[in-house]
């Protein structure tokens, strides 16, 4: 063996040793490690599906700002028409990853949101920032909030139709929880339909539904267009609730762990950039408003991402719990208790017939180890505990300690 070859092999071994368990190495050394091949992303390009919603922003900006290149990958954002389409393309491998509903990933993994497939959550993309919109016609009759809606539904004996975006998804769960907290059974007391987010406003305009739950900017768009009012924000239902995630399949994580880590790190850094300043938020709004992304006016996006809310009935307020993408890393950790909560609601509403092994399933899906590595690489703080405690709008506390009791404890359920 030549001295030159020995030197090259020795250098590679040193770099590989430095990389093991130490993702937080300097950018220069990280680049050298990638070059040596020890922890380089296995895929150079990663197709990430997204739905036209404000909370796709960190995925888009990681690509638009070139942050992805820093971590050795190229993110290709791919605009999709519906959550069902995102699900199908993830399962078949047409998409590598997606900006996707938390509950969709869990539903597919458990076989209640389509064909059963092992799935993975790499990180939480955002907290808060969704809303429940009621039609202007209902608002004119006094249904401007949950109590008003319950009173009107009791007085007017007709079929009420509400829309969510995917049966096991976040918006369905926020809508159901809010209705039930106001004494309305969403399963037996109303008709609930599934409508893709960008089609919500058009469907309300022609009278296809009385209300809907969706992400921004479509709630604010309904106000701009004069056809709907904001009856509740989802942060009123659960402050700092989990929302969209970076999702993929279990197979992808097993086959491309370095790629999963690199993409997660890039999107963490993009989220930090968005949350860093008003100027960055405005730049983000201008970017994602473009036709290739959300395809709406900048003013439909930029108010609520800064916490400036109006309800369409003259009330305005500054909401400190607006949509956040990073918040010093508090947004992004894939808490096991967050994933478990969605399963409790799937059981509550009859989507799951039996109680799953809540903790075991959450451990299978939420990729804590990969997240921690990506957090180290992007210098993102990590919480000490994989569980967290929250009090929801009805005063019920969720901490993940007894999910079966929690799921069975609601008075209103399927």
Protein backbone atom coordinates (compact mmCIF):
# COMPACT_ATOMS: atom_id res chain seq x y z
CA UNK A 1 0.00 0.00 0.00
CA UNK A 2 1.40 3.38 -0.98
CA UNK A 3 2.04 6.08 1.61
CA UNK A 4 -0.43 8.31 -0.25
CA UNK A 5 -3.23 5.70 -0.07
CA UNK A 6 -2.45 5.04 3.61
CA UNK A 7 -2.68 8.73 4.33
CA UNK A 8 -6.00 9.01 2.50
CA UNK A 9 -7.49 6.04 4.34
CA UNK A 10 -6.26 7.30 7.71
CA UNK A 11 -7.77 10.72 7.06
CA UNK A 12 -11.11 9.13 6.16
CA UNK A 13 -11.08 7.01 9.34
CA UNK A 14 -10.38 10.08 11.49
CA UNK A 15 -13.22 11.98 9.87
CA UNK A 16 -15.64 9.09 10.30
CA UNK A 17 -14.70 8.75 13.96
CA UNK A 18 -15.26 12.47 14.47
CA UNK A 19 -18.72 12.19 12.95
CA UNK A 20 -20.01 9.30 15.06
CA UNK A 21 -22.35 10.66 17.70
CA UNK A 22 -21.06 14.18 17.13
CA UNK A 23 -23.21 15.81 14.53
CA UNK A 24 -22.46 19.21 16.06
CA UNK A 25 -19.06 19.46 14.39
CA UNK A 26 -17.96 22.65 12.70
CA UNK A 27 -19.38 23.40 9.23
CA UNK A 28 -15.92 23.04 7.68
CA UNK A 29 -15.31 19.65 9.25
CA UNK A 30 -18.87 18.58 8.45
CA UNK A 31 -18.22 19.35 4.80
CA UNK A 32 -15.04 17.29 4.95
CA UNK A 33 -16.94 14.41 6.54
CA UNK A 34 -19.55 14.58 3.79
CA UNK A 35 -16.74 14.47 1.26
CA UNK A 36 -15.32 11.40 2.98
CA UNK A 37 -18.73 9.79 2.73
CA UNK A 38 -19.27 8.79 6.37
CA UNK A 39 -22.50 10.64 7.05
CA UNK A 40 -23.28 12.26 3.72
CA UNK A 41 -26.95 12.35 2.72
CA UNK A 42 -27.70 9.25 0.69
CA UNK A 43 -29.93 11.24 -1.69
CA UNK A 44 -28.78 14.45 -3.38
CA UNK A 45 -32.34 15.62 -4.11
CA UNK A 46 -35.40 15.25 -1.89
CA UNK A 47 -38.94 15.77 -3.19
CA UNK A 48 -41.11 17.26 -0.44
CA UNK A 49 -44.82 17.58 -1.09
CA UNK A 50 -46.79 20.48 0.31
CA UNK A 51 -50.34 21.82 0.31
CA UNK A 52 -50.87 25.56 -0.38
CA UNK A 53 -50.97 26.75 3.23
CA UNK A 54 -48.98 29.31 5.18
CA UNK A 55 -47.41 26.57 7.30
CA UNK A 56 -45.54 25.08 4.33
CA UNK A 57 -43.23 28.09 4.73
CA UNK A 58 -40.21 26.51 6.42
CA UNK A 59 -40.02 23.79 3.75
CA UNK A 60 -40.25 26.38 0.97
CA UNK A 61 -37.76 28.79 2.58
CA UNK A 62 -35.21 26.04 3.27
CA UNK A 63 -35.15 25.57 -0.50
CA UNK A 64 -35.62 29.20 -1.56
CA UNK A 65 -32.85 30.53 0.71
CA UNK A 66 -30.44 27.70 -0.16
CA UNK A 67 -30.21 26.51 3.44
CA UNK A 68 -30.62 22.94 2.20
CA UNK A 69 -27.28 23.10 0.34
CA UNK A 70 -25.48 23.80 3.61
CA UNK A 71 -26.54 20.35 4.78
CA UNK A 72 -25.67 18.57 1.56
CA UNK A 73 -29.15 18.16 0.03
CA UNK A 74 -31.39 19.87 -2.49
CA UNK A 75 -35.04 20.20 -1.41
CA UNK A 76 -37.54 20.19 -4.27
CA UNK A 77 -40.93 21.49 -3.00
CA UNK A 78 -43.78 19.84 -4.88
CA UNK A 79 -47.23 21.45 -4.84
CA UNK A 80 -50.05 18.96 -4.22
CA UNK A 81 -53.82 19.27 -4.58
CA UNK A 82 -55.14 17.39 -1.53
CA UNK A 83 -54.05 15.59 1.61
CA UNK A 84 -55.28 12.32 0.14
CA UNK A 85 -52.94 12.91 -2.78
CA UNK A 86 -50.06 13.63 -0.41
CA UNK A 87 -50.81 10.40 1.46
CA UNK A 88 -50.87 8.32 -1.70
CA UNK A 89 -47.63 9.78 -3.07
CA UNK A 90 -45.84 9.26 0.24
CA UNK A 91 -46.97 5.65 0.46
CA UNK A 92 -45.92 4.87 -3.13
CA UNK A 93 -42.60 6.72 -2.81
CA UNK A 94 -43.43 9.32 -5.46
CA UNK A 95 -42.73 11.85 -2.72
CA UNK A 96 -39.78 11.42 -0.37
CA UNK A 97 -41.30 13.53 2.41
CA UNK A 98 -44.15 15.96 2.91
CA UNK A 99 -45.44 18.94 4.82
CA UNK A 100 -48.35 16.98 6.20
CA UNK A 101 -51.06 16.75 8.83
CA UNK A 102 -49.86 15.15 12.07
CA UNK A 103 -52.94 12.93 12.33
CA UNK A 104 -52.64 11.79 8.71
CA UNK A 105 -49.29 10.16 9.44
CA UNK A 106 -50.72 8.37 12.48
CA UNK A 107 -53.84 7.33 10.62
CA UNK A 108 -51.89 5.72 7.78
CA UNK A 109 -49.55 3.97 10.23
CA UNK A 110 -52.56 2.48 12.02
CA UNK A 111 -54.46 1.66 8.83
CA UNK A 112 -57.37 4.06 9.45
CA UNK A 113 -56.36 6.81 7.03
CA UNK A 114 -55.80 4.64 3.98
CA UNK A 115 -53.73 1.56 3.25
CA UNK A 116 -51.62 0.62 6.29
CA UNK A 117 -47.98 1.64 5.98
CA UNK A 118 -45.24 2.26 8.54
CA UNK A 119 -44.80 6.01 8.77
CA UNK A 120 -42.45 8.48 10.42
CA UNK A 121 -42.61 11.98 11.89
CA UNK A 122 -39.24 13.75 11.68
CA UNK A 123 -40.22 17.07 13.26
CA UNK A 124 -43.11 19.39 14.02
CA UNK A 125 -43.16 22.20 11.43
CA UNK A 126 -45.33 24.73 13.26
CA UNK A 127 -47.61 25.40 16.18
CA UNK A 128 -50.92 27.31 16.21
CA UNK A 129 -52.29 29.40 13.35
CA UNK A 130 -55.34 27.48 12.15
CA UNK A 131 -58.95 28.59 12.67
CA UNK A 132 -62.62 27.69 12.53
CA UNK A 133 -64.63 29.79 10.09
CA UNK A 134 -68.42 30.08 10.14
CA UNK A 135 -70.38 31.41 7.20
CA UNK A 136 -71.46 35.05 7.22
CA UNK A 137 -75.06 33.82 6.98
CA UNK A 138 -74.70 31.98 10.31
CA UNK A 139 -72.92 34.93 11.89
CA UNK A 140 -75.79 37.21 10.89
CA UNK A 141 -78.06 34.90 12.91
CA UNK A 142 -75.88 35.11 16.01
CA UNK A 143 -73.55 32.15 15.43
CA UNK A 144 -70.31 34.05 15.93
CA UNK A 145 -68.69 31.57 18.35
CA UNK A 146 -69.21 28.06 19.72
CA UNK A 147 -71.98 28.99 22.12
CA UNK A 148 -73.81 30.95 19.43
CA UNK A 149 -73.51 28.07 16.99
CA UNK A 150 -74.89 25.57 19.54
CA UNK A 151 -77.85 27.85 20.27
CA UNK A 152 -78.64 28.35 16.56
CA UNK A 153 -78.34 24.63 15.79
CA UNK A 154 -80.74 23.84 18.64
CA UNK A 155 -83.24 26.42 17.36
CA UNK A 156 -83.00 25.65 13.64
CA UNK A 157 -83.63 21.95 13.18
CA UNK A 158 -81.87 21.29 9.90
CA UNK A 159 -78.76 19.48 8.74
CA UNK A 160 -75.64 21.54 9.29
CA UNK A 161 -72.56 20.80 7.18
CA UNK A 162 -69.00 21.42 8.30
CA UNK A 163 -65.77 20.75 6.44
CA UNK A 164 -62.36 19.54 7.53
CA UNK A 165 -59.38 18.64 5.38
CA UNK A 166 -58.72 14.93 6.12
CA UNK A 167 -60.62 12.46 8.34
CA UNK A 168 -57.74 11.71 10.75
CA UNK A 169 -56.02 15.07 10.35
CA UNK A 170 -55.49 18.02 12.65
CA UNK A 171 -58.35 20.14 11.31
CA UNK A 172 -60.89 17.38 11.84
CA UNK A 173 -59.69 16.95 15.42
CA UNK A 174 -59.74 20.71 16.19
CA UNK A 175 -63.22 21.04 14.69
CA UNK A 176 -64.57 18.03 16.60
CA UNK A 177 -62.97 19.06 19.89
CA UNK A 178 -64.32 22.63 19.62
CA UNK A 179 -67.83 21.51 18.71
CA UNK A 180 -67.92 18.94 21.51
CA UNK A 181 -66.62 21.47 24.05
CA UNK A 182 -69.63 23.59 23.08
CA UNK A 183 -72.08 20.71 23.50
CA UNK A 184 -72.39 19.70 19.84
CA UNK A 185 -71.72 16.11 18.80
CA UNK A 186 -69.88 16.49 15.48
CA UNK A 187 -70.59 12.90 14.46
CA UNK A 188 -74.28 12.49 15.24
CA UNK A 189 -75.31 16.14 15.31
CA UNK A 190 -73.90 17.38 12.01
CA UNK A 191 -72.70 16.36 8.58
CA UNK A 192 -68.93 16.57 8.18
CA UNK A 193 -67.30 16.55 4.76
CA UNK A 194 -63.69 16.54 3.54
CA UNK A 195 -62.54 19.43 1.35
CA UNK A 196 -58.95 20.29 0.26
CA UNK A 197 -57.71 23.51 1.91
CA UNK A 198 -57.48 25.72 -1.22
CA UNK A 199 -61.10 24.83 -2.09
CA UNK A 200 -62.65 25.81 1.25
CA UNK A 201 -63.46 29.44 0.42
CA UNK A 202 -64.96 28.62 -2.98
CA UNK A 203 -67.16 25.91 -1.46
CA UNK A 204 -68.42 28.23 1.29
CA UNK A 205 -69.12 30.92 -1.30
CA UNK A 206 -71.57 28.64 -3.12
CA UNK A 207 -73.19 27.45 0.11
CA UNK A 208 -71.76 23.92 0.37
CA UNK A 209 -70.96 24.26 4.08
CA UNK A 210 -71.89 26.21 7.19
CA UNK A 211 -68.39 26.23 8.59
CA UNK A 212 -64.92 24.79 8.19
CA UNK A 213 -61.63 24.26 9.96
CA UNK A 214 -58.51 24.85 7.90
CA UNK A 215 -55.07 26.40 8.01
CA UNK A 216 -54.21 29.92 6.96
CA UNK A 217 -54.46 31.85 4.77
CA UNK A 218 -57.90 30.47 3.94
CA UNK A 219 -59.67 31.65 7.10
CA UNK A 220 -58.43 35.20 6.58
CA UNK A 221 -59.23 34.89 2.87
CA UNK A 222 -62.89 34.15 3.79
CA UNK A 223 -62.96 37.41 5.76
CA UNK A 224 -61.35 39.40 2.92
CA UNK A 225 -63.95 37.97 0.53
CA UNK A 226 -66.80 38.78 2.95
CA UNK A 227 -68.19 35.25 3.12
CA UNK A 228 -67.01 34.02 6.54
CA UNK A 229 -66.03 35.01 10.07
CA UNK A 230 -63.47 33.58 12.45
CA UNK A 231 -65.36 31.88 15.28
CA UNK A 232 -62.26 30.48 16.99
CA UNK A 233 -58.55 30.13 16.47
CA UNK A 234 -57.02 26.74 17.12
CA UNK A 235 -54.63 28.22 19.67
CA UNK A 236 -57.77 28.98 21.70
CA UNK A 237 -58.54 25.26 21.60
CA UNK A 238 -55.01 24.23 22.58
CA UNK A 239 -52.30 26.82 23.10
CA UNK A 240 -49.14 25.85 21.20
CA UNK A 241 -50.74 22.79 19.69
CA UNK A 242 -48.84 20.59 17.22
CA UNK A 243 -49.89 21.12 13.64
CA UNK A 244 -48.09 20.13 10.43
CA UNK A 245 -45.13 17.78 10.54
CA UNK A 246 -42.32 16.76 8.26
CA UNK A 247 -43.55 13.26 7.47
CA UNK A 248 -42.19 10.31 5.54
CA UNK A 249 -42.37 6.52 5.57
CA UNK A 250 -40.61 4.21 7.95
CA UNK A 251 -38.85 2.67 4.96
CA UNK A 252 -37.40 6.02 3.90
CA UNK A 253 -35.91 6.65 7.34
CA UNK A 254 -34.33 3.19 7.42
CA UNK A 255 -32.89 3.51 3.93
CA UNK A 256 -31.84 7.18 4.05
CA UNK A 257 -31.20 8.16 7.70
CA UNK A 258 -28.53 10.74 6.82
CA UNK A 259 -30.85 12.38 4.32
CA UNK A 260 -33.64 12.51 6.91
CA UNK A 261 -31.28 14.17 9.38
CA UNK A 262 -29.93 16.68 6.85
CA UNK A 263 -33.38 17.77 5.65
CA UNK A 264 -34.65 18.09 9.23
CA UNK A 265 -31.67 20.27 10.13
CA UNK A 266 -32.19 22.50 7.09
CA UNK A 267 -35.87 23.03 7.84
CA UNK A 268 -35.12 23.73 11.50
CA UNK A 269 -32.75 26.47 10.39
CA UNK A 270 -35.35 27.84 7.95
CA UNK A 271 -37.93 27.99 10.75
CA UNK A 272 -35.46 29.88 12.91
CA UNK A 273 -34.91 32.35 10.06
CA UNK A 274 -38.66 32.97 9.64
CA UNK A 275 -39.22 33.63 13.33
CA UNK A 276 -36.15 35.85 13.67
CA UNK A 277 -37.67 39.15 12.46
CA UNK A 278 -40.66 40.94 10.97
CA UNK A 279 -38.61 41.55 7.83
CA UNK A 280 -38.06 37.81 7.45
CA UNK A 281 -41.76 37.11 7.96
CA UNK A 282 -42.64 39.64 5.28
CA UNK A 283 -40.08 38.11 2.91
CA UNK A 284 -41.55 34.68 3.62
CA UNK A 285 -45.09 35.95 2.95
CA UNK A 286 -44.00 37.46 -0.38
CA UNK A 287 -42.31 34.20 -1.36
CA UNK A 288 -45.05 31.74 -0.50
CA UNK A 289 -47.83 33.97 -1.87
CA UNK A 290 -46.46 33.29 -5.35
CA UNK A 291 -48.45 31.19 -7.79
CA UNK A 292 -46.08 28.24 -7.49
CA UNK A 293 -46.78 27.99 -3.75
CA UNK A 294 -49.95 29.27 -1.99
CA UNK A 295 -51.18 31.44 -4.88
CA UNK A 296 -52.90 34.22 -2.98
CA UNK A 297 -52.35 37.87 -2.10
CA UNK A 298 -49.57 38.76 0.35
CA UNK A 299 -52.09 40.57 2.57
CA UNK A 300 -53.98 37.31 3.05
CA UNK A 301 -50.85 35.85 4.63
CA UNK A 302 -48.84 38.55 6.34
CA UNK A 303 -51.28 39.77 9.02
CA UNK A 304 -51.90 36.56 10.93
CA UNK A 305 -48.28 35.39 10.81
CA UNK A 306 -47.52 38.49 12.88
CA UNK A 307 -50.40 37.86 15.28
CA UNK A 308 -52.63 40.62 13.88
CA UNK A 309 -56.11 39.15 13.89
CA UNK A 310 -59.58 40.34 12.92
CA UNK A 311 -62.71 38.22 13.10
CA UNK A 312 -64.66 39.72 10.20
CA UNK A 313 -67.17 41.36 12.53
CA UNK A 314 -65.21 44.42 13.59
CA UNK A 315 -63.11 42.88 16.34
CA UNK A 316 -59.31 43.10 16.04
CA UNK A 317 -56.65 41.85 18.43
CA UNK A 318 -52.97 41.04 18.76
CA UNK A 319 -52.57 37.33 19.46
CA UNK A 320 -49.27 36.32 21.12
CA UNK A 321 -49.97 32.67 20.21
CA UNK A 322 -49.88 33.13 16.45
CA UNK A 323 -48.33 30.64 14.04
CA UNK A 324 -44.73 29.96 14.97
CA UNK A 325 -42.14 27.93 13.10
CA UNK A 326 -39.30 27.75 15.63
CA UNK A 327 -39.69 29.81 18.83
CA UNK A 328 -36.20 28.94 20.09
CA UNK A 329 -36.79 25.29 19.15
CA UNK A 330 -39.93 24.88 21.31
CA UNK A 331 -42.06 24.38 18.19
CA UNK A 332 -40.26 21.54 16.52
CA UNK A 333 -39.57 18.70 18.96
CA UNK A 334 -41.70 15.63 18.05
CA UNK A 335 -43.10 15.02 21.54
CA UNK A 336 -44.40 11.50 21.97
CA UNK A 337 -47.38 12.88 23.89
CA UNK A 338 -48.41 14.99 20.87
CA UNK A 339 -48.64 11.93 18.65
CA UNK A 340 -50.44 10.00 21.38
CA UNK A 341 -53.06 12.76 21.67
CA UNK A 342 -54.15 12.30 18.08
CA UNK A 343 -54.67 8.60 18.70
CA UNK A 344 -56.85 9.37 21.74
CA UNK A 345 -59.06 11.52 19.54
CA UNK A 346 -59.15 8.92 16.77
CA UNK A 347 -60.42 6.47 19.40
CA UNK A 348 -62.86 9.05 20.82
CA UNK A 349 -64.48 9.62 17.43
CA UNK A 350 -64.64 5.97 16.38
CA UNK A 351 -61.83 6.06 13.82
CA UNK A 352 -59.99 3.48 15.94
CA UNK A 353 -62.14 0.62 17.16
CA UNK A 354 -59.75 -0.45 19.92
CA UNK A 355 -57.18 1.28 22.05
CA UNK A 356 -53.72 1.02 20.45
CA UNK A 357 -50.54 0.75 22.49
CA UNK A 358 -50.32 4.54 22.55
CA UNK A 359 -46.75 4.95 23.75
CA UNK A 360 -45.32 2.13 21.64
CA UNK A 361 -46.89 3.50 18.45
CA UNK A 362 -45.64 7.02 19.17
CA UNK A 363 -42.13 5.66 19.70
CA UNK A 364 -42.32 3.85 16.36
CA UNK A 365 -43.44 6.95 14.45
CA UNK A 366 -41.71 9.92 16.07
CA UNK A 367 -38.04 9.84 15.17
CA UNK A 368 -36.59 11.31 18.37
CA UNK A 369 -32.99 10.21 17.72
CA UNK A 370 -32.83 11.64 14.20
CA UNK A 371 -34.42 14.85 15.44
CA UNK A 372 -31.84 15.23 18.20
CA UNK A 373 -29.02 14.77 15.70
CA UNK A 374 -30.55 17.38 13.39
CA UNK A 375 -31.06 19.71 16.35
CA UNK A 376 -27.39 19.41 17.24
CA UNK A 377 -26.36 20.12 13.66
CA UNK A 378 -28.59 23.21 13.48
CA UNK A 379 -27.82 24.33 17.06
CA UNK A 380 -31.46 23.94 18.10
CA UNK A 381 -32.24 23.52 21.83
CA UNK A 382 -33.85 20.18 22.77
CA UNK A 383 -36.30 19.73 25.68
CA UNK A 384 -35.41 17.36 28.51
CA UNK A 385 -38.60 15.31 28.32
CA UNK A 386 -40.27 13.52 25.40
CA UNK A 387 -43.70 14.26 26.94
CA UNK A 388 -45.38 17.60 27.68
CA UNK A 389 -48.45 18.75 29.57
CA UNK A 390 -51.20 20.96 28.13
CA UNK A 391 -54.61 22.22 29.27
CA UNK A 392 -57.14 22.42 26.45
CA UNK A 393 -60.11 24.77 26.09
CA UNK A 394 -62.49 22.63 28.18
CA UNK A 395 -60.07 22.57 31.10
CA UNK A 396 -59.07 18.94 30.55
CA UNK A 397 -55.34 18.35 31.04
CA UNK A 398 -53.40 16.13 28.64
CA UNK A 399 -50.03 14.77 29.77
CA UNK A 400 -49.84 11.38 28.05
CA UNK A 401 -49.72 9.44 31.33
CA UNK A 402 -53.00 7.52 30.98
CA UNK A 403 -54.15 7.81 27.36
CA UNK A 404 -56.81 5.09 27.63
CA UNK A 405 -58.53 6.82 30.55
CA UNK A 406 -58.22 10.18 28.81
CA UNK A 407 -59.75 8.89 25.54
CA UNK A 408 -62.64 7.21 27.37
CA UNK A 409 -63.26 10.14 29.71
CA UNK A 410 -65.07 12.52 27.35
CA UNK A 411 -68.83 12.87 27.70
CA UNK A 412 -69.34 13.62 24.02
CA UNK A 413 -67.86 11.02 21.68
CA UNK A 414 -68.83 8.77 18.81
